Amino acid sequence: MRISEPEQQTAEAAPRIFATTHWSVVLAAGEGASEASHCALEKLCAAYWYPIYVYVRRRGYGPEDAQDLTQEFFAQLIAKEHLRLADSNKGKFRSFLLATLNFFLAREWSRAHRQKRGGHHRFISLDEQMAQERYPFEPRDSASPERLFQRQWALTVLKQTMKALENECAENGKAILFEQVKQLLSRERDGVSYAAISQHLSMTEGAVRVAVHRLRQRYGELLRAEISQTVRSHGEVEEEVQCLLRALSE
């Protein structure tokens, strides 16, 4: 999928944006605790739990064990303030999460020391039914857990971005337009034509093409805004975009 270039941000705007991104807030807390960093970490974990679940499954765990391990991992991550493990070599949330997960899984996980399913406080709301329904569709090839994690991370970013665009369109009174053209935004036309859409919306075909072009541009801007939530600085956004594209193409 081709991602359009956003308008260049001014030097004054970038610091303001990255002063309030989720991962920047988390890292700024350091070893200390703050309500803002706690909430920011919860939001990030809630959005990106499925790649972790997929990684654990690919490591050989069954559905229930993977759900327990994923839940316990996030519970410890949030409750025990493992942010002290975040250093300059794990600056991106994606990298930090995977490194911390490997540390967590490296320890001998004993069933005797794990509480029964449903018997402990849930820190992150995991859609367990959705996870079990989605996982059978993951590639059955020899892709490593790491590659599968990267791919699911990329897909989650795209899903979050599309949802943000959908919400924005709804707020601007363009919900019907979005619903009609959303397949064109990712160029997955699947039989959808500009002519059919223009007829349905009582717009000219040219007007529909212009609307799609503008929404694609906005999608690119929102994509970078979504990525900015998981990196420390503006300079890392484009690097992360390229990582995302590679993960989807492999």
Protein backbone atom coordinates (compact mmCIF):
# COMPACT_ATOMS: atom_id res chain seq x y z
CA MET A 1 0.00 0.00 0.00
CA ARG A 2 1.36 3.36 -1.00
CA ILE A 3 1.26 6.01 1.73
CA SER A 4 1.12 9.64 0.64
CA GLU A 5 3.52 12.16 2.08
CA PRO A 6 1.98 14.46 4.68
CA GLU A 7 2.48 18.18 4.73
CA GLN A 8 5.77 19.05 6.35
CA GLN A 9 5.41 19.97 9.99
CA THR A 10 6.94 23.18 11.23
CA ALA A 11 9.86 23.11 13.64
CA GLU A 12 7.65 24.75 16.28
CA ALA A 13 4.82 22.23 15.94
CA ALA A 14 6.86 19.03 16.28
CA PRO A 15 8.03 19.54 19.89
CA ARG A 16 4.45 20.25 21.02
CA ILE A 17 3.17 17.08 19.35
CA PHE A 18 5.84 14.81 20.77
CA ALA A 19 5.66 16.31 24.24
CA THR A 20 2.26 14.67 24.66
CA THR A 21 2.51 11.39 22.75
CA HIS A 22 1.80 8.24 24.75
CA TRP A 23 5.28 6.72 24.65
CA SER A 24 6.98 10.04 25.32
CA VAL A 25 4.83 10.46 28.42
CA VAL A 26 5.69 6.94 29.57
CA LEU A 27 9.42 7.37 29.05
CA ALA A 28 9.43 10.78 30.70
CA ALA A 29 8.26 9.15 33.91
CA GLY A 30 11.49 7.14 34.12
CA GLU A 31 11.57 5.01 37.21
CA GLY A 32 9.02 7.15 38.96
CA ALA A 33 5.27 6.70 38.88
CA SER A 34 2.72 9.16 37.59
CA GLU A 35 -0.94 8.93 36.72
CA ALA A 36 -0.26 10.27 33.23
CA SER A 37 2.40 7.66 32.45
CA HIS A 38 0.27 4.88 33.91
CA CYS A 39 -2.73 5.85 31.75
CA ALA A 40 -0.53 6.27 28.68
CA LEU A 41 0.97 2.81 29.10
CA GLU A 42 -2.47 1.27 29.61
CA LYS A 43 -3.71 2.84 26.36
CA LEU A 44 -0.73 1.58 24.40
CA CYS A 45 -1.02 -1.92 25.82
CA ALA A 46 -4.77 -2.03 25.15
CA ALA A 47 -4.21 -1.06 21.51
CA TYR A 48 -1.29 -3.40 20.78
CA TRP A 49 -2.03 -6.55 22.75
CA TYR A 50 -2.90 -8.77 19.79
CA PRO A 51 0.64 -8.82 18.28
CA ILE A 52 1.84 -9.99 21.69
CA TYR A 53 -0.78 -12.73 21.78
CA VAL A 54 0.23 -13.88 18.28
CA TYR A 55 3.90 -13.92 19.29
CA VAL A 56 3.17 -16.06 22.34
CA ARG A 57 1.05 -18.46 20.28
CA ARG A 58 3.83 -18.81 17.70
CA ARG A 59 6.20 -19.64 20.54
CA GLY A 60 4.17 -22.83 21.02
CA TYR A 61 1.57 -21.97 23.63
CA GLY A 62 -2.08 -22.96 23.25
CA PRO A 63 -4.95 -20.46 23.22
CA GLU A 64 -5.70 -20.45 26.96
CA ASP A 65 -2.07 -20.38 28.04
CA ALA A 66 -1.34 -17.62 25.54
CA GLN A 67 -4.24 -15.57 26.88
CA ASP A 68 -3.05 -16.06 30.46
CA LEU A 69 0.54 -15.20 29.61
CA THR A 70 -0.47 -12.13 27.61
CA GLN A 71 -2.68 -10.89 30.42
CA GLU A 72 -0.05 -11.57 33.08
CA PHE A 73 2.63 -9.91 30.99
CA PHE A 74 0.65 -6.69 30.73
CA ALA A 75 -0.39 -6.88 34.37
CA GLN A 76 3.25 -7.02 35.44
CA LEU A 77 4.30 -4.43 32.92
CA ILE A 78 1.83 -1.92 34.28
CA ALA A 79 1.64 -2.81 37.97
CA LYS A 80 5.33 -3.45 38.62
CA GLU A 81 6.61 -0.42 36.76
CA HIS A 82 8.93 -2.31 34.42
CA LEU A 83 9.59 1.00 32.68
CA ARG A 84 13.01 0.95 34.27
CA LEU A 85 13.85 -1.58 31.53
CA ALA A 86 13.19 1.03 28.85
CA ASP A 87 16.55 2.37 27.74
CA SER A 88 18.00 4.07 24.70
CA ASN A 89 18.34 0.74 22.89
CA LYS A 90 14.62 0.07 23.25
CA GLY A 91 13.42 3.56 22.45
CA LYS A 92 10.45 2.48 20.35
CA PHE A 93 7.51 1.02 22.19
CA ARG A 94 7.44 -1.89 19.73
CA SER A 95 11.06 -2.78 20.50
CA PHE A 96 10.65 -2.27 24.23
CA LEU A 97 7.54 -4.44 24.33
CA LEU A 98 9.13 -7.36 22.51
CA ALA A 99 12.36 -7.22 24.52
CA THR A 100 10.43 -7.13 27.79
CA LEU A 101 8.18 -9.97 26.63
CA ASN A 102 11.18 -12.15 25.82
CA PHE A 103 12.53 -11.48 29.30
CA PHE A 104 9.15 -12.44 30.74
CA LEU A 105 8.88 -15.67 28.72
CA ALA A 106 12.49 -16.63 29.40
CA ARG A 107 11.63 -17.22 33.03
CA GLU A 108 10.24 -20.63 33.81
CA TRP A 109 6.47 -20.15 33.77
CA SER A 110 4.96 -22.56 36.26
CA ARG A 111 1.28 -23.41 36.18
CA ALA A 112 1.40 -24.09 39.91
CA HIS A 113 2.35 -20.46 40.55
CA ARG A 114 -0.19 -18.97 38.18
CA GLN A 115 -3.67 -18.11 39.44
CA LYS A 116 -6.60 -19.86 37.82
CA ARG A 117 -8.08 -18.28 34.73
CA GLY A 118 -10.42 -15.46 35.67
CA GLY A 119 -9.22 -15.42 39.26
CA HIS A 120 -7.04 -12.34 39.07
CA HIS A 121 -7.58 -8.70 38.26
CA ARG A 122 -7.60 -7.90 34.56
CA PHE A 123 -5.37 -4.95 33.76
CA ILE A 124 -6.06 -5.00 30.02
CA SER A 125 -9.34 -5.93 28.39
CA LEU A 126 -8.41 -8.68 25.95
CA ASP A 127 -10.98 -9.80 23.42
CA GLU A 128 -10.22 -13.48 23.93
CA GLN A 129 -12.94 -14.72 21.60
CA MET A 130 -11.70 -12.42 18.85
CA ALA A 131 -8.14 -13.61 19.40
CA GLN A 132 -9.09 -17.27 19.02
CA GLU A 133 -11.11 -16.49 15.90
CA ARG A 134 -8.34 -14.43 14.29
CA TYR A 135 -5.33 -16.60 15.04
CA PRO A 136 -6.26 -19.56 12.74
CA PHE A 137 -5.94 -17.13 9.81
CA GLU A 138 -2.33 -16.26 10.63
CA PRO A 139 0.24 -17.57 8.12
CA ARG A 140 1.11 -21.23 8.61
CA ASP A 141 4.49 -20.88 6.93
CA SER A 142 7.86 -20.85 8.66
CA ALA A 143 7.68 -17.19 9.64
CA SER A 144 9.46 -16.66 12.93
CA PRO A 145 7.56 -15.38 15.97
CA GLU A 146 9.44 -12.10 15.56
CA ARG A 147 8.40 -11.63 11.91
CA LEU A 148 4.81 -12.50 12.72
CA PHE A 149 4.88 -10.03 15.60
CA GLN A 150 6.17 -7.28 13.28
CA ARG A 151 3.47 -8.04 10.71
CA GLN A 152 0.69 -7.97 13.28
CA TRP A 153 2.11 -4.79 14.76
CA ALA A 154 1.96 -3.15 11.33
CA LEU A 155 -1.60 -4.35 10.74
CA THR A 156 -2.64 -3.03 14.15
CA VAL A 157 -1.17 0.38 13.34
CA LEU A 158 -3.12 0.48 10.07
CA LYS A 159 -6.32 -0.59 11.83
CA GLN A 160 -5.89 2.09 14.49
CA THR A 161 -5.27 4.67 11.78
CA MET A 162 -8.34 3.70 9.76
CA LYS A 163 -10.46 3.85 12.90
CA ALA A 164 -9.14 7.34 13.65
CA LEU A 165 -10.02 8.44 10.12
CA GLU A 166 -13.49 6.91 10.44
CA ASN A 167 -14.10 8.77 13.70
CA GLU A 168 -12.87 12.02 12.18
CA CYS A 169 -15.17 11.63 9.19
CA ALA A 170 -18.11 10.92 11.49
CA GLU A 171 -17.38 14.06 13.47
CA ASN A 172 -17.26 16.09 10.24
CA GLY A 173 -20.53 14.71 8.89
CA LYS A 174 -18.80 12.49 6.32
CA ALA A 175 -19.62 9.07 7.74
CA ILE A 176 -21.53 7.96 4.64
CA LEU A 177 -18.71 9.12 2.36
CA PHE A 178 -16.16 7.19 4.40
CA GLU A 179 -18.26 4.03 4.39
CA GLN A 180 -18.53 4.16 0.61
CA VAL A 181 -14.88 4.87 -0.20
CA LYS A 182 -12.97 3.13 2.63
CA GLN A 183 -11.98 0.22 0.38
CA LEU A 184 -10.49 2.67 -2.10
CA LEU A 185 -8.33 4.26 0.58
CA SER A 186 -6.18 1.14 0.81
CA ARG A 187 -6.58 0.48 -2.93
CA GLU A 188 -8.35 -2.78 -2.17
CA ARG A 189 -11.15 -2.06 -4.61
CA ASP A 190 -12.75 -5.51 -4.61
CA GLY A 191 -15.15 -4.60 -7.40
CA VAL A 192 -15.89 -1.12 -6.06
CA SER A 193 -15.95 1.54 -8.77
CA TYR A 194 -15.85 5.33 -8.64
CA ALA A 195 -18.85 5.44 -10.95
CA ALA A 196 -20.99 3.31 -8.62
CA ILE A 197 -19.95 5.35 -5.59
CA SER A 198 -20.64 8.66 -7.32
CA GLN A 199 -24.11 7.47 -8.25
CA HIS A 200 -24.85 6.30 -4.73
CA LEU A 201 -23.64 9.57 -3.19
CA SER A 202 -25.17 11.80 -5.90
CA MET A 203 -21.72 13.23 -6.64
CA THR A 204 -19.76 13.50 -9.83
CA GLU A 205 -17.10 10.89 -10.37
CA GLY A 206 -14.48 13.64 -10.36
CA ALA A 207 -15.70 14.88 -6.97
CA VAL A 208 -15.45 11.35 -5.56
CA ARG A 209 -11.89 11.02 -6.84
CA VAL A 210 -10.94 14.30 -5.22
CA ALA A 211 -12.55 13.21 -1.94
CA VAL A 212 -10.68 9.90 -2.01
CA HIS A 213 -7.40 11.68 -2.75
CA ARG A 214 -7.89 14.01 0.22
CA LEU A 215 -8.83 11.16 2.52
CA ARG A 216 -5.72 9.26 1.46
CA GLN A 217 -3.63 12.29 2.32
CA ARG A 218 -5.35 12.57 5.67
CA TYR A 219 -4.84 8.85 6.23
CA GLY A 220 -1.10 9.34 5.74
CA GLU A 221 -1.08 12.17 8.28
CA LEU A 222 -3.05 10.14 10.80
CA LEU A 223 -0.77 7.15 10.22
CA ARG A 224 2.24 9.20 11.21
CA ALA A 225 0.32 10.58 14.17
CA GLU A 226 -0.46 7.01 15.27
CA ILE A 227 3.16 5.96 14.87
CA SER A 228 4.27 9.01 16.83
CA GLN A 229 2.47 7.53 19.85
CA THR A 230 4.98 4.67 19.93
CA VAL A 231 8.31 6.42 19.30
CA ARG A 232 10.29 8.99 21.22
CA SER A 233 10.97 11.64 18.59
CA HIS A 234 9.74 13.09 15.32
CA GLY A 235 12.87 11.80 13.57
CA GLU A 236 11.92 8.18 14.27
CA VAL A 237 8.51 8.38 12.58
CA GLU A 238 9.70 7.92 8.99
CA GLU A 239 12.03 5.11 10.03
CA GLU A 240 9.08 3.37 11.68
CA VAL A 241 6.94 3.88 8.56
CA GLN A 242 9.57 2.06 6.51
CA CYS A 243 9.69 -0.76 9.07
CA LEU A 244 5.92 -1.03 8.83
CA LEU A 245 6.01 -1.26 5.03
CA ARG A 246 8.75 -3.92 5.13
CA ALA A 247 6.79 -5.97 7.65
CA LEU A 248 3.76 -5.97 5.34
CA SER A 249 5.72 -6.85 2.23
CA GLU A 250 7.71 -9.77 3.65
